[in-house]
Every structure is written in C-alpha cells, then in structure tokens.
Amino acid sequence: MLREKVEEVLGKIRPFLQRDGGDVELVDVQPDGVVKVKLRGACSGCPGATMTLKNAIENTLKQEVPEVKAVEQVE
C-alpha cells in the first residue's frame, strides 16, 4: 500500500521533471519509510539534482505520505 501511495505522488511530480528533460524512477520503498529513487535523463547529471531530490521530491512525499521518512538517490 505504501509503495502505491509513493508512486501516485511521484506521478504528480514527474511532469515538472519531464518538462526539463528529466524523470524519476521508484526503486524501492523500505519498511522504515526510506524511499529509494533513481533520477533519469537530464536530472541524472544535473548539478541541481540534490536540490531537486530534497526540495521537490522528498518534501512533497513527506507532506503527502507521512510514512515517508527520507528519500535517497541510488545509481
């Protein structure tokens, strides 16, 4: 159920990333509330990727899915 909620919220974020040539892929949702994602396209090599990850993705997920404790980027 938690994975579905996370996917739904990522679906809301994706259009903003895709507008700039990037994307986000859900890799894993761990039982402790850590979400692992992979940034794709322009986001994968962007110098602002960490800001995007923390400010856009993590903050939005934490607001909309209280079970989410952190978001980590994986390669």
PDB file of N, CA and C in Angstrom:
ATOM      1  N   MET A   1       0.820  -1.202   0.000  1.00  0.00           N
ATOM      2  CA  MET A   1       0.000   0.000   0.000  1.00  0.00           C
ATOM      3  C   MET A   1       0.864   1.266   0.000  1.00  0.00           C
ATOM      4  N   LEU A   2       1.944   1.263   0.791  1.00  0.00           N
ATOM      5  CA  LEU A   2       2.817   2.428   0.856  1.00  0.00           C
ATOM      6  C   LEU A   2       3.460   2.697  -0.499  1.00  0.00           C
ATOM      7  N   ARG A   3       3.880   1.632  -1.176  1.00  0.00           N
ATOM      8  CA  ARG A   3       4.512   1.792  -2.496  1.00  0.00           C
ATOM      9  C   ARG A   3       3.549   2.459  -3.486  1.00  0.00           C
ATOM     10  N   GLU A   4       2.274   2.067  -3.435  1.00  0.00           N
ATOM     11  CA  GLU A   4       1.283   2.646  -4.336  1.00  0.00           C
ATOM     12  C   GLU A   4       1.098   4.139  -4.059  1.00  0.00           C
ATOM     13  N   LYS A   5       1.087   4.509  -2.773  1.00  0.00           N
ATOM     14  CA  LYS A   5       0.949   5.921  -2.417  1.00  0.00           C
ATOM     15  C   LYS A   5       2.136   6.720  -2.937  1.00  0.00           C
ATOM     16  N   VAL A   6       3.333   6.171  -2.776  1.00  0.00           N
ATOM     17  CA  VAL A   6       4.549   6.849  -3.236  1.00  0.00           C
ATOM     18  C   VAL A   6       4.515   7.003  -4.756  1.00  0.00           C
ATOM     19  N   GLU A   7       4.133   5.951  -5.466  1.00  0.00           N
ATOM     20  CA  GLU A   7       4.039   6.005  -6.934  1.00  0.00           C
ATOM     21  C   GLU A   7       3.051   7.094  -7.369  1.00  0.00           C
ATOM     22  N   GLU A   8       1.944   7.196  -6.668  1.00  0.00           N
ATOM     23  CA  GLU A   8       0.922   8.189  -7.007  1.00  0.00           C
ATOM     24  C   GLU A   8       1.481   9.614  -6.873  1.00  0.00           C
ATOM     25  N   VAL A   9       2.202   9.871  -5.797  1.00  0.00           N
ATOM     26  CA  VAL A   9       2.782  11.201  -5.587  1.00  0.00           C
ATOM     27  C   VAL A   9       3.885  11.469  -6.613  1.00  0.00           C
ATOM     28  N   LEU A  10       4.710  10.477  -6.899  1.00  0.00           N
ATOM     29  CA  LEU A  10       5.750  10.654  -7.919  1.00  0.00           C
ATOM     30  C   LEU A  10       5.119  10.973  -9.270  1.00  0.00           C
ATOM     31  N   GLY A  11       3.945  10.415  -9.524  1.00  0.00           N
ATOM     32  CA  GLY A  11       3.223  10.712 -10.760  1.00  0.00           C
ATOM     33  C   GLY A  11       2.846  12.186 -10.869  1.00  0.00           C
ATOM     34  N   LYS A  12       2.634  12.830  -9.727  1.00  0.00           N
ATOM     35  CA  LYS A  12       2.320  14.260  -9.723  1.00  0.00           C
ATOM     36  C   LYS A  12       3.581  15.104  -9.953  1.00  0.00           C
ATOM     37  N   ILE A  13       4.718  14.605  -9.503  1.00  0.00           N
ATOM     38  CA  ILE A  13       5.986  15.332  -9.611  1.00  0.00           C
ATOM     39  C   ILE A  13       6.593  15.186 -11.008  1.00  0.00           C
ATOM     40  N   ARG A  14       6.396  14.024 -11.625  1.00  0.00           N
ATOM     41  CA  ARG A  14       7.036  13.706 -12.914  1.00  0.00           C
ATOM     42  C   ARG A  14       6.891  14.775 -13.990  1.00  0.00           C
ATOM     43  N   PRO A  15       5.692  15.336 -14.203  1.00  0.00           N
ATOM     44  CA  PRO A  15       5.557  16.328 -15.287  1.00  0.00           C
ATOM     45  C   PRO A  15       6.520  17.512 -15.146  1.00  0.00           C
ATOM     46  N   PHE A  16       6.797  17.919 -13.917  1.00  0.00           N
ATOM     47  CA  PHE A  16       7.722  19.035 -13.702  1.00  0.00           C
ATOM     48  C   PHE A  16       9.147  18.644 -14.065  1.00  0.00           C
ATOM     49  N   LEU A  17       9.526  17.422 -13.745  1.00  0.00           N
ATOM     50  CA  LEU A  17      10.865  16.934 -14.090  1.00  0.00           C
ATOM     51  C   LEU A  17      10.977  16.716 -15.597  1.00  0.00           C
ATOM     52  N   GLN A  18       9.938  16.160 -16.189  1.00  0.00           N
ATOM     53  CA  GLN A  18       9.961  15.862 -17.620  1.00  0.00           C
ATOM     54  C   GLN A  18       9.983  17.132 -18.461  1.00  0.00           C
ATOM     55  N   ARG A  19       9.420  18.197 -17.937  1.00  0.00           N
ATOM     56  CA  ARG A  19       9.427  19.474 -18.640  1.00  0.00           C
ATOM     57  C   ARG A  19      10.869  19.945 -18.876  1.00  0.00           C
ATOM     58  N   ASP A  20      11.766  19.580 -17.968  1.00  0.00           N
ATOM     59  CA  ASP A  20      13.176  19.957 -18.085  1.00  0.00           C
ATOM     60  C   ASP A  20      14.036  18.814 -18.621  1.00  0.00           C
ATOM     61  N   GLY A  21      13.406  17.765 -19.144  1.00  0.00           N
ATOM     62  CA  GLY A  21      14.150  16.657 -19.746  1.00  0.00           C
ATOM     63  C   GLY A  21      14.592  15.588 -18.771  1.00  0.00           C
ATOM     64  N   GLY A  22      14.026  15.592 -17.570  1.00  0.00           N
ATOM     65  CA  GLY A  22      14.406  14.595 -16.570  1.00  0.00           C
ATOM     66  C   GLY A  22      13.244  13.688 -16.212  1.00  0.00           C
ATOM     67  N   ASP A  23      13.487  12.816 -15.250  1.00  0.00           N
ATOM     68  CA  ASP A  23      12.455  11.909 -14.765  1.00  0.00           C
ATOM     69  C   ASP A  23      12.939  11.284 -13.466  1.00  0.00           C
ATOM     70  N   VAL A  24      12.031  10.634 -12.762  1.00  0.00           N
ATOM     71  CA  VAL A  24      12.376   9.930 -11.530  1.00  0.00           C
ATOM     72  C   VAL A  24      11.771   8.533 -11.601  1.00  0.00           C
ATOM     73  N   GLU A  25      12.546   7.553 -11.146  1.00  0.00           N
ATOM     74  CA  GLU A  25      12.096   6.160 -11.142  1.00  0.00           C
ATOM     75  C   GLU A  25      12.115   5.657  -9.705  1.00  0.00           C
ATOM     76  N   LEU A  26      11.021   5.063  -9.266  1.00  0.00           N
ATOM     77  CA  LEU A  26      10.969   4.472  -7.932  1.00  0.00           C
ATOM     78  C   LEU A  26      11.707   3.145  -7.954  1.00  0.00           C
ATOM     79  N   VAL A  27      12.695   3.002  -7.068  1.00  0.00           N
ATOM     80  CA  VAL A  27      13.475   1.774  -6.987  1.00  0.00           C
ATOM     81  C   VAL A  27      12.965   0.892  -5.855  1.00  0.00           C
ATOM     82  N   ASP A  28      12.739   1.503  -4.676  1.00  0.00           N
ATOM     83  CA  ASP A  28      12.339   0.711  -3.520  1.00  0.00           C
ATOM     84  C   ASP A  28      11.683   1.601  -2.473  1.00  0.00           C
ATOM     85  N   VAL A  29      10.771   1.011  -1.718  1.00  0.00           N
ATOM     86  CA  VAL A  29      10.209   1.651  -0.539  1.00  0.00           C
ATOM     87  C   VAL A  29      10.471   0.685   0.604  1.00  0.00           C
ATOM     88  N   GLN A  30      11.299   1.103   1.546  1.00  0.00           N
ATOM     89  CA  GLN A  30      11.679   0.228   2.642  1.00  0.00           C
ATOM     90  C   GLN A  30      10.695   0.338   3.797  1.00  0.00           C
ATOM     91  N   PRO A  31      10.586  -0.711   4.603  1.00  0.00           N
ATOM     92  CA  PRO A  31       9.632  -0.709   5.723  1.00  0.00           C
ATOM     93  C   PRO A  31       9.850   0.435   6.718  1.00  0.00           C
ATOM     94  N   ASP A  32      11.089   0.956   6.799  1.00  0.00           N
ATOM     95  CA  ASP A  32      11.370   2.040   7.742  1.00  0.00           C
ATOM     96  C   ASP A  32      11.018   3.422   7.189  1.00  0.00           C
ATOM     97  N   GLY A  33      10.411   3.458   5.986  1.00  0.00           N
ATOM     98  CA  GLY A  33       9.968   4.718   5.415  1.00  0.00           C
ATOM     99  C   GLY A  33      10.982   5.409   4.521  1.00  0.00           C
ATOM    100  N   VAL A  34      12.076   4.733   4.196  1.00  0.00           N
ATOM    101  CA  VAL A  34      13.074   5.299   3.289  1.00  0.00           C
ATOM    102  C   VAL A  34      12.703   4.909   1.861  1.00  0.00           C
ATOM    103  N   VAL A  35      12.603   5.928   1.008  1.00  0.00           N
ATOM    104  CA  VAL A  35      12.251   5.717  -0.394  1.00  0.00           C
ATOM    105  C   VAL A  35      13.526   5.874  -1.225  1.00  0.00           C
ATOM    106  N   LYS A  36      13.794   4.905  -2.080  1.00  0.00           N
ATOM    107  CA  LYS A  36      14.973   4.962  -2.945  1.00  0.00           C
ATOM    108  C   LYS A  36      14.513   5.229  -4.373  1.00  0.00           C
ATOM    109  N   VAL A  37      15.107   6.261  -4.981  1.00  0.00           N
ATOM    110  CA  VAL A  37      14.738   6.644  -6.338  1.00  0.00           C
ATOM    111  C   VAL A  37      15.983   6.784  -7.198  1.00  0.00           C
ATOM    112  N   LYS A  38      15.768   6.702  -8.487  1.00  0.00           N
ATOM    113  CA  LYS A  38      16.832   6.927  -9.459  1.00  0.00           C
ATOM    114  C   LYS A  38      16.399   8.088 -10.340  1.00  0.00           C
ATOM    115  N   LEU A  39      17.254   9.106 -10.430  1.00  0.00           N
ATOM    116  CA  LEU A  39      16.970  10.233 -11.306  1.00  0.00           C
ATOM    117  C   LEU A  39      17.409   9.873 -12.709  1.00  0.00           C
ATOM    118  N   ARG A  40      16.603  10.216 -13.690  1.00  0.00           N
ATOM    119  CA  ARG A  40      16.846   9.842 -15.082  1.00  0.00           C
ATOM    120  C   ARG A  40      16.967  11.079 -15.962  1.00  0.00           C
ATOM    121  N   GLY A  41      17.469  10.871 -17.161  1.00  0.00           N
ATOM    122  CA  GLY A  41      17.534  11.935 -18.162  1.00  0.00           C
ATOM    123  C   GLY A  41      18.390  13.092 -17.688  1.00  0.00           C
ATOM    124  N   ALA A  42      17.933  14.299 -17.927  1.00  0.00           N
ATOM    125  CA  ALA A  42      18.691  15.496 -17.561  1.00  0.00           C
ATOM    126  C   ALA A  42      18.920  15.570 -16.055  1.00  0.00           C
ATOM    127  N   CYS A  43      18.051  14.983 -15.276  1.00  0.00           N
ATOM    128  CA  CYS A  43      18.197  15.037 -13.814  1.00  0.00           C
ATOM    129  C   CYS A  43      19.393  14.226 -13.317  1.00  0.00           C
ATOM    130  N   SER A  44      19.770  13.188 -14.047  1.00  0.00           N
ATOM    131  CA  SER A  44      20.831  12.302 -13.557  1.00  0.00           C
ATOM    132  C   SER A  44      22.182  12.986 -13.476  1.00  0.00           C
ATOM    133  N   GLY A  45      22.466  13.931 -14.348  1.00  0.00           N
ATOM    134  CA  GLY A  45      23.754  14.594 -14.313  1.00  0.00           C
ATOM    135  C   GLY A  45      23.686  16.061 -13.947  1.00  0.00           C
ATOM    136  N   CYS A  46      22.526  16.503 -13.547  1.00  0.00           N
ATOM    137  CA  CYS A  46      22.318  17.922 -13.259  1.00  0.00           C
ATOM    138  C   CYS A  46      22.973  18.310 -11.935  1.00  0.00           C
ATOM    139  N   PRO A  47      23.665  19.459 -11.917  1.00  0.00           N
ATOM    140  CA  PRO A  47      24.259  19.923 -10.665  1.00  0.00           C
ATOM    141  C   PRO A  47      23.204  20.215  -9.584  1.00  0.00           C
ATOM    142  N   GLY A  48      21.998  20.505  -9.994  1.00  0.00           N
ATOM    143  CA  GLY A  48      20.922  20.784  -9.042  1.00  0.00           C
ATOM    144  C   GLY A  48      20.125  19.558  -8.637  1.00  0.00           C
ATOM    145  N   ALA A  49      20.602  18.374  -8.988  1.00  0.00           N
ATOM    146  CA  ALA A  49      19.849  17.146  -8.721  1.00  0.00           C
ATOM    147  C   ALA A  49      19.596  16.935  -7.230  1.00  0.00           C
ATOM    148  N   THR A  50      20.576  17.249  -6.390  1.00  0.00           N
ATOM    149  CA  THR A  50      20.391  17.068  -4.950  1.00  0.00           C
ATOM    150  C   THR A  50      19.299  17.989  -4.432  1.00  0.00           C
ATOM    151  N   MET A  51      19.282  19.220  -4.934  1.00  0.00           N
ATOM    152  CA  MET A  51      18.226  20.160  -4.523  1.00  0.00           C
ATOM    153  C   MET A  51      16.867  19.665  -4.993  1.00  0.00           C
ATOM    154  N   THR A  52      16.804  19.158  -6.219  1.00  0.00           N
ATOM    155  CA  THR A  52      15.547  18.622  -6.739  1.00  0.00           C
ATOM    156  C   THR A  52      15.096  17.459  -5.871  1.00  0.00           C
ATOM    157  N   LEU A  53      16.039  16.577  -5.542  1.00  0.00           N
ATOM    158  CA  LEU A  53      15.719  15.395  -4.749  1.00  0.00           C
ATOM    159  C   LEU A  53      15.164  15.791  -3.387  1.00  0.00           C
ATOM    160  N   LYS A  54      15.840  16.687  -2.699  1.00  0.00           N
ATOM    161  CA  LYS A  54      15.429  17.061  -1.342  1.00  0.00           C
ATOM    162  C   LYS A  54      14.248  18.029  -1.334  1.00  0.00           C
ATOM    163  N   ASN A  55      14.330  19.088  -2.126  1.00  0.00           N
ATOM    164  CA  ASN A  55      13.311  20.141  -2.072  1.00  0.00           C
ATOM    165  C   ASN A  55      12.011  19.754  -2.750  1.00  0.00           C
ATOM    166  N   ALA A  56      12.089  19.104  -3.883  1.00  0.00           N
ATOM    167  CA  ALA A  56      10.861  18.778  -4.614  1.00  0.00           C
ATOM    168  C   ALA A  56      10.342  17.393  -4.250  1.00  0.00           C
ATOM    169  N   ILE A  57      11.163  16.402  -4.454  1.00  0.00           N
ATOM    170  CA  ILE A  57      10.697  15.016  -4.305  1.00  0.00           C
ATOM    171  C   ILE A  57      10.486  14.653  -2.836  1.00  0.00           C
ATOM    172  N   GLU A  58      11.521  14.817  -2.008  1.00  0.00           N
ATOM    173  CA  GLU A  58      11.409  14.399  -0.605  1.00  0.00           C
ATOM    174  C   GLU A  58      10.348  15.208   0.141  1.00  0.00           C
ATOM    175  N   ASN A  59      10.364  16.521   0.003  1.00  0.00           N
ATOM    176  CA  ASN A  59       9.390  17.344   0.725  1.00  0.00           C
ATOM    177  C   ASN A  59       7.959  17.022   0.327  1.00  0.00           C
ATOM    178  N   THR A  60       7.731  16.837  -0.968  1.00  0.00           N
ATOM    179  CA  THR A  60       6.378  16.515  -1.443  1.00  0.00           C
ATOM    180  C   THR A  60       5.933  15.156  -0.921  1.00  0.00           C
ATOM    181  N   LEU A  61       6.830  14.170  -0.992  1.00  0.00           N
ATOM    182  CA  LEU A  61       6.472  12.836  -0.497  1.00  0.00           C
ATOM    183  C   LEU A  61       6.167  12.870   1.000  1.00  0.00           C
ATOM    184  N   LYS A  62       6.980  13.567   1.778  1.00  0.00           N
ATOM    185  CA  LYS A  62       6.754  13.632   3.227  1.00  0.00           C
ATOM    186  C   LYS A  62       5.430  14.317   3.555  1.00  0.00           C
ATOM    187  N   GLN A  63       5.067  15.334   2.786  1.00  0.00           N
ATOM    188  CA  GLN A  63       3.795  16.035   3.016  1.00  0.00           C
ATOM    189  C   GLN A  63       2.605  15.154   2.704  1.00  0.00           C
ATOM    190  N   GLU A  64       2.692  14.438   1.595  1.00  0.00           N
ATOM    191  CA  GLU A  64       1.526  13.678   1.131  1.00  0.00           C
ATOM    192  C   GLU A  64       1.477  12.246   1.648  1.00  0.00           C
ATOM    193  N   VAL A  65       2.624  11.706   2.049  1.00  0.00           N
ATOM    194  CA  VAL A  65       2.683  10.336   2.574  1.00  0.00           C
ATOM    195  C   VAL A  65       3.485  10.396   3.881  1.00  0.00           C
ATOM    196  N   PRO A  66       2.811  10.602   5.010  1.00  0.00           N
ATOM    197  CA  PRO A  66       3.501  10.802   6.284  1.00  0.00           C
ATOM    198  C   PRO A  66       4.432   9.645   6.685  1.00  0.00           C
ATOM    199  N   GLU A  67       4.203   8.463   6.147  1.00  0.00           N
ATOM    200  CA  GLU A  67       5.062   7.313   6.476  1.00  0.00           C
ATOM    201  C   GLU A  67       6.465   7.455   5.901  1.00  0.00           C
ATOM    202  N   VAL A  68       6.629   8.319   4.896  1.00  0.00           N
ATOM    203  CA  VAL A  68       7.941   8.520   4.274  1.00  0.00           C
ATOM    204  C   VAL A  68       8.816   9.336   5.217  1.00  0.00           C
ATOM    205  N   LYS A  69       9.987   8.790   5.541  1.00  0.00           N
ATOM    206  CA  LYS A  69      10.929   9.449   6.451  1.00  0.00           C
ATOM    207  C   LYS A  69      12.072  10.128   5.711  1.00  0.00           C
ATOM    208  N   ALA A  70      12.474   9.551   4.566  1.00  0.00           N
ATOM    209  CA  ALA A  70      13.598  10.107   3.796  1.00  0.00           C
ATOM    210  C   ALA A  70      13.536   9.580   2.379  1.00  0.00           C
ATOM    211  N   VAL A  71      14.197  10.322   1.476  1.00  0.00           N
ATOM    212  CA  VAL A  71      14.317   9.890   0.086  1.00  0.00           C
ATOM    213  C   VAL A  71      15.808   9.880  -0.248  1.00  0.00           C
ATOM    214  N   GLU A  72      16.274   8.763  -0.792  1.00  0.00           N
ATOM    215  CA  GLU A  72      17.676   8.621  -1.150  1.00  0.00           C
ATOM    216  C   GLU A  72      17.798   8.307  -2.625  1.00  0.00           C
ATOM    217  N   GLN A  73      18.831   8.875  -3.226  1.00  0.00           N
ATOM    218  CA  GLN A  73      19.105   8.616  -4.642  1.00  0.00           C
ATOM    219  C   GLN A  73      20.038   7.420  -4.754  1.00  0.00           C
ATOM    220  N   VAL A  74      19.744   6.537  -5.699  1.00  0.00           N
ATOM    221  CA  VAL A  74      20.622   5.400  -5.999  1.00  0.00           C
ATOM    222  C   VAL A  74      21.057   5.509  -7.438  1.00  0.00           C
ATOM    223  N   GLU A  75      22.170   4.893  -7.741  1.00  0.00           N
ATOM    224  CA  GLU A  75      22.692   4.918  -9.117  1.00  0.00           C
ATOM    225  C   GLU A  75      22.138   3.779  -9.931  1.00  0.00           C
TER     226      GLU A  75
END
